[in-house]
Amino acid sequence: MTICAPNVGLREITPANRAAAEALTVTAVQAEYVAGVAESLVEAAETPDACPWYRALYLDDKPVGFVMISDGITVVNPDYLGPYFLWRLLIDQRYQGRGHGSAALSLVVKHVRTRTDARVLLTSVGQGPASPIGFYLRQGFRATGQVHQGELVLELDLLTSPSPS
């Protein structure tokens, strides 16, 4: 059963909360599908033309997750999907199953919809026993039939789809 997550919000990662954000972890099996926060922040710093935008997901005053998107890519680079791409969505293993992933995705969608050129939000998922594909399909994403860097590409139509819940 999904529990509503009304007290969640996205906060900028700063020197004051970076260590707490980097301490967020998923299960060992899930780690095969999603990079950790520290690795994600390094990747963001190394690829500024991918327009990384990242935030910690907070439940009240406690970090419980992390999101990172490409926020309006303007360069042509075959390594990037976009212009709007959900790069990372991670909920700490202690807080999973409580609706925080859906809440985080809803907040990301709300952010991306502020961009006047945003039509779809893309993401990609690996296949396997702990793949998050079911989560994304339940949130309104659909398979595009494309594969990017070995992962299935999914898209959420921002013009017609209701916000994920």
C-alpha atoms as a PDB file:
ATOM      1  CA  MET A   1       0.000   0.000   0.000  1.00  0.00           C
ATOM      2  CA  THR A   2       1.328   3.434  -0.940  1.00  0.00           C
ATOM      3  CA  ILE A   3       1.277   5.988   1.805  1.00  0.00           C
ATOM      4  CA  CYS A   4       0.764   9.615   0.850  1.00  0.00           C
ATOM      5  CA  ALA A   5       3.873  11.739   1.185  1.00  0.00           C
ATOM      6  CA  PRO A   6       2.526  15.261   1.771  1.00  0.00           C
ATOM      7  CA  ASN A   7       5.574  16.603   3.624  1.00  0.00           C
ATOM      8  CA  VAL A   8       8.122  16.004   0.885  1.00  0.00           C
ATOM      9  CA  GLY A   9      10.022  18.585  -1.091  1.00  0.00           C
ATOM     10  CA  LEU A  10      13.113  19.043  -3.207  1.00  0.00           C
ATOM     11  CA  ARG A  11      16.026  21.009  -1.810  1.00  0.00           C
ATOM     12  CA  GLU A  12      19.223  22.191  -3.404  1.00  0.00           C
ATOM     13  CA  ILE A  13      22.297  20.233  -2.393  1.00  0.00           C
ATOM     14  CA  THR A  14      24.732  22.524  -0.617  1.00  0.00           C
ATOM     15  CA  PRO A  15      27.936  21.979   1.365  1.00  0.00           C
ATOM     16  CA  ALA A  16      25.735  21.862   4.487  1.00  0.00           C
ATOM     17  CA  ASN A  17      23.641  18.889   3.336  1.00  0.00           C
ATOM     18  CA  ARG A  18      25.865  17.196   0.773  1.00  0.00           C
ATOM     19  CA  ALA A  19      27.207  14.500   3.134  1.00  0.00           C
ATOM     20  CA  ALA A  20      23.685  13.590   4.243  1.00  0.00           C
ATOM     21  CA  ALA A  21      22.564  13.346   0.614  1.00  0.00           C
ATOM     22  CA  GLU A  22      25.593  11.233  -0.308  1.00  0.00           C
ATOM     23  CA  ALA A  23      24.799   8.858   2.573  1.00  0.00           C
ATOM     24  CA  LEU A  24      21.507   7.824   0.936  1.00  0.00           C
ATOM     25  CA  THR A  25      21.650   4.205  -0.250  1.00  0.00           C
ATOM     26  CA  VAL A  26      19.579   1.663  -2.102  1.00  0.00           C
ATOM     27  CA  THR A  27      19.685  -2.105  -1.725  1.00  0.00           C
ATOM     28  CA  ALA A  28      22.608  -4.008  -3.221  1.00  0.00           C
ATOM     29  CA  VAL A  29      20.389  -5.352  -6.023  1.00  0.00           C
ATOM     30  CA  GLN A  30      19.009  -1.873  -6.788  1.00  0.00           C
ATOM     31  CA  ALA A  31      22.557  -0.482  -6.922  1.00  0.00           C
ATOM     32  CA  GLU A  32      22.971  -2.438 -10.162  1.00  0.00           C
ATOM     33  CA  TYR A  33      20.355  -0.119 -11.719  1.00  0.00           C
ATOM     34  CA  VAL A  34      21.005   3.296 -10.213  1.00  0.00           C
ATOM     35  CA  ALA A  35      24.230   5.114  -9.378  1.00  0.00           C
ATOM     36  CA  GLY A  36      24.678   6.589  -5.926  1.00  0.00           C
ATOM     37  CA  VAL A  37      24.446  10.257  -5.060  1.00  0.00           C
ATOM     38  CA  ALA A  38      28.207  10.878  -4.823  1.00  0.00           C
ATOM     39  CA  GLU A  39      28.804   9.280  -8.238  1.00  0.00           C
ATOM     40  CA  SER A  40      25.877  11.241  -9.684  1.00  0.00           C
ATOM     41  CA  LEU A  41      27.261  14.551  -8.412  1.00  0.00           C
ATOM     42  CA  VAL A  42      30.654  13.782  -9.951  1.00  0.00           C
ATOM     43  CA  GLU A  43      28.966  12.897 -13.239  1.00  0.00           C
ATOM     44  CA  ALA A  44      26.984  16.142 -13.138  1.00  0.00           C
ATOM     45  CA  ALA A  45      30.157  18.166 -12.600  1.00  0.00           C
ATOM     46  CA  GLU A  46      31.901  16.384 -15.472  1.00  0.00           C
ATOM     47  CA  THR A  47      29.059  16.922 -17.963  1.00  0.00           C
ATOM     48  CA  PRO A  48      27.829  20.515 -17.634  1.00  0.00           C
ATOM     49  CA  ASP A  49      26.544  20.559 -21.229  1.00  0.00           C
ATOM     50  CA  ALA A  50      24.019  17.866 -20.188  1.00  0.00           C
ATOM     51  CA  CYS A  51      22.399  20.634 -18.082  1.00  0.00           C
ATOM     52  CA  PRO A  52      22.292  18.658 -14.823  1.00  0.00           C
ATOM     53  CA  TRP A  53      19.761  19.820 -12.260  1.00  0.00           C
ATOM     54  CA  TYR A  54      19.749  17.844  -9.037  1.00  0.00           C
ATOM     55  CA  ARG A  55      18.060  18.010  -5.684  1.00  0.00           C
ATOM     56  CA  ALA A  56      17.751  16.043  -2.471  1.00  0.00           C
ATOM     57  CA  LEU A  57      14.271  14.822  -1.625  1.00  0.00           C
ATOM     58  CA  TYR A  58      13.343  15.688   1.932  1.00  0.00           C
ATOM     59  CA  LEU A  59      10.651  14.341   4.209  1.00  0.00           C
ATOM     60  CA  ASP A  60      10.193  17.198   6.621  1.00  0.00           C
ATOM     61  CA  ASP A  61      13.856  17.874   7.575  1.00  0.00           C
ATOM     62  CA  LYS A  62      15.285  14.451   6.712  1.00  0.00           C
ATOM     63  CA  PRO A  63      16.838  13.615   3.332  1.00  0.00           C
ATOM     64  CA  VAL A  64      15.180  10.485   1.936  1.00  0.00           C
ATOM     65  CA  GLY A  65      16.042  10.566  -1.757  1.00  0.00           C
ATOM     66  CA  PHE A  66      17.775  12.167  -4.699  1.00  0.00           C
ATOM     67  CA  VAL A  67      16.776  13.231  -8.199  1.00  0.00           C
ATOM     68  CA  MET A  68      18.816  14.452 -11.132  1.00  0.00           C
ATOM     69  CA  ILE A  69      17.583  15.518 -14.544  1.00  0.00           C
ATOM     70  CA  SER A  70      18.940  17.014 -17.703  1.00  0.00           C
ATOM     71  CA  ASP A  71      17.126  20.324 -17.662  1.00  0.00           C
ATOM     72  CA  GLY A  72      16.930  21.571 -21.232  1.00  0.00           C
ATOM     73  CA  ILE A  73      19.867  20.145 -23.169  1.00  0.00           C
ATOM     74  CA  THR A  74      20.702  22.364 -26.136  1.00  0.00           C
ATOM     75  CA  VAL A  75      23.772  20.589 -27.525  1.00  0.00           C
ATOM     76  CA  VAL A  76      23.705  17.653 -29.894  1.00  0.00           C
ATOM     77  CA  ASN A  77      25.512  14.764 -28.244  1.00  0.00           C
ATOM     78  CA  PRO A  78      24.654  11.104 -28.887  1.00  0.00           C
ATOM     79  CA  ASP A  79      25.457  10.316 -25.237  1.00  0.00           C
ATOM     80  CA  TYR A  80      22.558  12.486 -24.055  1.00  0.00           C
ATOM     81  CA  LEU A  81      18.818  12.003 -24.209  1.00  0.00           C
ATOM     82  CA  GLY A  82      16.665  15.029 -23.880  1.00  0.00           C
ATOM     83  CA  PRO A  83      16.216  17.851 -23.789  1.00  0.00           C
ATOM     84  CA  TYR A  84      14.522  16.724 -20.551  1.00  0.00           C
ATOM     85  CA  PHE A  85      15.801  13.461 -19.133  1.00  0.00           C
ATOM     86  CA  LEU A  86      15.293  11.904 -15.708  1.00  0.00           C
ATOM     87  CA  TRP A  87      18.861  10.839 -15.077  1.00  0.00           C
ATOM     88  CA  ARG A  88      18.541   9.592 -11.487  1.00  0.00           C
ATOM     89  CA  LEU A  89      15.765   8.832  -9.044  1.00  0.00           C
ATOM     90  CA  LEU A  90      16.886   7.232  -5.824  1.00  0.00           C
ATOM     91  CA  ILE A  91      14.942   6.668  -2.619  1.00  0.00           C
ATOM     92  CA  ASP A  92      16.953   5.522   0.388  1.00  0.00           C
ATOM     93  CA  GLN A  93      16.238   1.886   1.184  1.00  0.00           C
ATOM     94  CA  ARG A  94      14.877   2.816   4.623  1.00  0.00           C
ATOM     95  CA  TYR A  95      12.150   4.987   3.058  1.00  0.00           C
ATOM     96  CA  GLN A  96      11.039   2.932   0.077  1.00  0.00           C
ATOM     97  CA  GLY A  97       7.459   1.773  -0.330  1.00  0.00           C
ATOM     98  CA  ARG A  98       5.981   4.881   1.263  1.00  0.00           C
ATOM     99  CA  GLY A  99       5.136   6.923  -1.826  1.00  0.00           C
ATOM    100  CA  HIS A 100       8.304   9.030  -1.795  1.00  0.00           C
ATOM    101  CA  GLY A 101       9.374   7.923  -5.286  1.00  0.00           C
ATOM    102  CA  SER A 102       6.018   8.943  -6.727  1.00  0.00           C
ATOM    103  CA  ALA A 103       6.162  12.228  -4.831  1.00  0.00           C
ATOM    104  CA  ALA A 104       9.696  12.919  -6.105  1.00  0.00           C
ATOM    105  CA  LEU A 105       8.647  12.178  -9.666  1.00  0.00           C
ATOM    106  CA  SER A 106       5.620  14.440  -9.335  1.00  0.00           C
ATOM    107  CA  LEU A 107       7.868  17.287  -8.134  1.00  0.00           C
ATOM    108  CA  VAL A 108      10.274  16.718 -11.040  1.00  0.00           C
ATOM    109  CA  VAL A 109       7.399  16.746 -13.531  1.00  0.00           C
ATOM    110  CA  LYS A 110       6.068  19.953 -11.980  1.00  0.00           C
ATOM    111  CA  HIS A 111       9.535  21.521 -12.397  1.00  0.00           C
ATOM    112  CA  VAL A 112       9.941  20.387 -16.012  1.00  0.00           C
ATOM    113  CA  ARG A 113       6.461  21.620 -16.922  1.00  0.00           C
ATOM    114  CA  THR A 114       7.650  25.164 -16.080  1.00  0.00           C
ATOM    115  CA  ARG A 115       9.824  24.958 -19.208  1.00  0.00           C
ATOM    116  CA  THR A 116       7.842  26.291 -22.155  1.00  0.00           C
ATOM    117  CA  ASP A 117       9.458  23.887 -24.635  1.00  0.00           C
ATOM    118  CA  ALA A 118       8.983  20.739 -22.524  1.00  0.00           C
ATOM    119  CA  ARG A 119       6.845  18.164 -24.304  1.00  0.00           C
ATOM    120  CA  VAL A 120       8.145  14.864 -22.890  1.00  0.00           C
ATOM    121  CA  LEU A 121      10.270  13.700 -20.000  1.00  0.00           C
ATOM    122  CA  LEU A 122      12.515  10.804 -20.942  1.00  0.00           C
ATOM    123  CA  THR A 123      14.188   8.236 -18.741  1.00  0.00           C
ATOM    124  CA  SER A 124      15.937   4.941 -19.318  1.00  0.00           C
ATOM    125  CA  VAL A 125      15.897   1.719 -17.341  1.00  0.00           C
ATOM    126  CA  GLY A 126      17.892  -1.462 -17.257  1.00  0.00           C
ATOM    127  CA  GLN A 127      16.177  -4.812 -17.453  1.00  0.00           C
ATOM    128  CA  GLY A 128      16.329  -7.465 -14.781  1.00  0.00           C
ATOM    129  CA  PRO A 129      14.741  -8.676 -11.555  1.00  0.00           C
ATOM    130  CA  ALA A 130      15.027  -5.348  -9.695  1.00  0.00           C
ATOM    131  CA  SER A 131      14.426  -3.073 -12.688  1.00  0.00           C
ATOM    132  CA  PRO A 132      12.339  -0.009 -11.863  1.00  0.00           C
ATOM    133  CA  ILE A 133      10.424  -0.287 -15.157  1.00  0.00           C
ATOM    134  CA  GLY A 134       7.174  -1.278 -13.419  1.00  0.00           C
ATOM    135  CA  PHE A 135       7.341   1.821 -11.234  1.00  0.00           C
ATOM    136  CA  TYR A 136       7.745   4.088 -14.255  1.00  0.00           C
ATOM    137  CA  LEU A 137       4.960   2.401 -16.227  1.00  0.00           C
ATOM    138  CA  ARG A 138       2.619   2.825 -13.242  1.00  0.00           C
ATOM    139  CA  GLN A 139       3.538   6.526 -13.202  1.00  0.00           C
ATOM    140  CA  GLY A 140       2.403   7.014 -16.802  1.00  0.00           C
ATOM    141  CA  PHE A 141       5.623   6.497 -18.730  1.00  0.00           C
ATOM    142  CA  ARG A 142       5.484   4.395 -21.872  1.00  0.00           C
ATOM    143  CA  ALA A 143       8.163   2.473 -23.711  1.00  0.00           C
ATOM    144  CA  THR A 144       9.448   4.228 -26.829  1.00  0.00           C
ATOM    145  CA  GLY A 145      10.935   1.119 -28.416  1.00  0.00           C
ATOM    146  CA  GLN A 146      14.375   2.739 -28.308  1.00  0.00           C
ATOM    147  CA  VAL A 147      17.422   1.474 -26.460  1.00  0.00           C
ATOM    148  CA  HIS A 148      20.087   3.917 -25.291  1.00  0.00           C
ATOM    149  CA  GLN A 149      23.382   2.691 -23.893  1.00  0.00           C
ATOM    150  CA  GLY A 150      21.825  -0.712 -23.251  1.00  0.00           C
ATOM    151  CA  GLU A 151      18.749   0.607 -21.422  1.00  0.00           C
ATOM    152  CA  LEU A 152      15.119   0.842 -22.492  1.00  0.00           C
ATOM    153  CA  VAL A 153      13.981   4.403 -23.140  1.00  0.00           C
ATOM    154  CA  LEU A 154      10.684   5.486 -21.603  1.00  0.00           C
ATOM    155  CA  GLU A 155       8.797   8.729 -22.038  1.00  0.00           C
ATOM    156  CA  LEU A 156       6.144  10.637 -20.166  1.00  0.00           C
ATOM    157  CA  ASP A 157       3.987  12.919 -22.293  1.00  0.00           C
ATOM    158  CA  LEU A 158       3.949  16.176 -20.349  1.00  0.00           C
ATOM    159  CA  LEU A 159       1.137  17.683 -22.395  1.00  0.00           C
ATOM    160  CA  THR A 160      -1.507  15.026 -21.885  1.00  0.00           C
ATOM    161  CA  SER A 161      -0.415  12.880 -18.935  1.00  0.00           C
ATOM    162  CA  PRO A 162      -1.621  13.762 -15.466  1.00  0.00           C
ATOM    163  CA  SER A 163       1.076  14.298 -12.882  1.00  0.00           C
ATOM    164  CA  PRO A 164       2.438  11.021 -11.492  1.00  0.00           C
ATOM    165  CA  SER A 165       0.946  10.059  -8.180  1.00  0.00           C
END
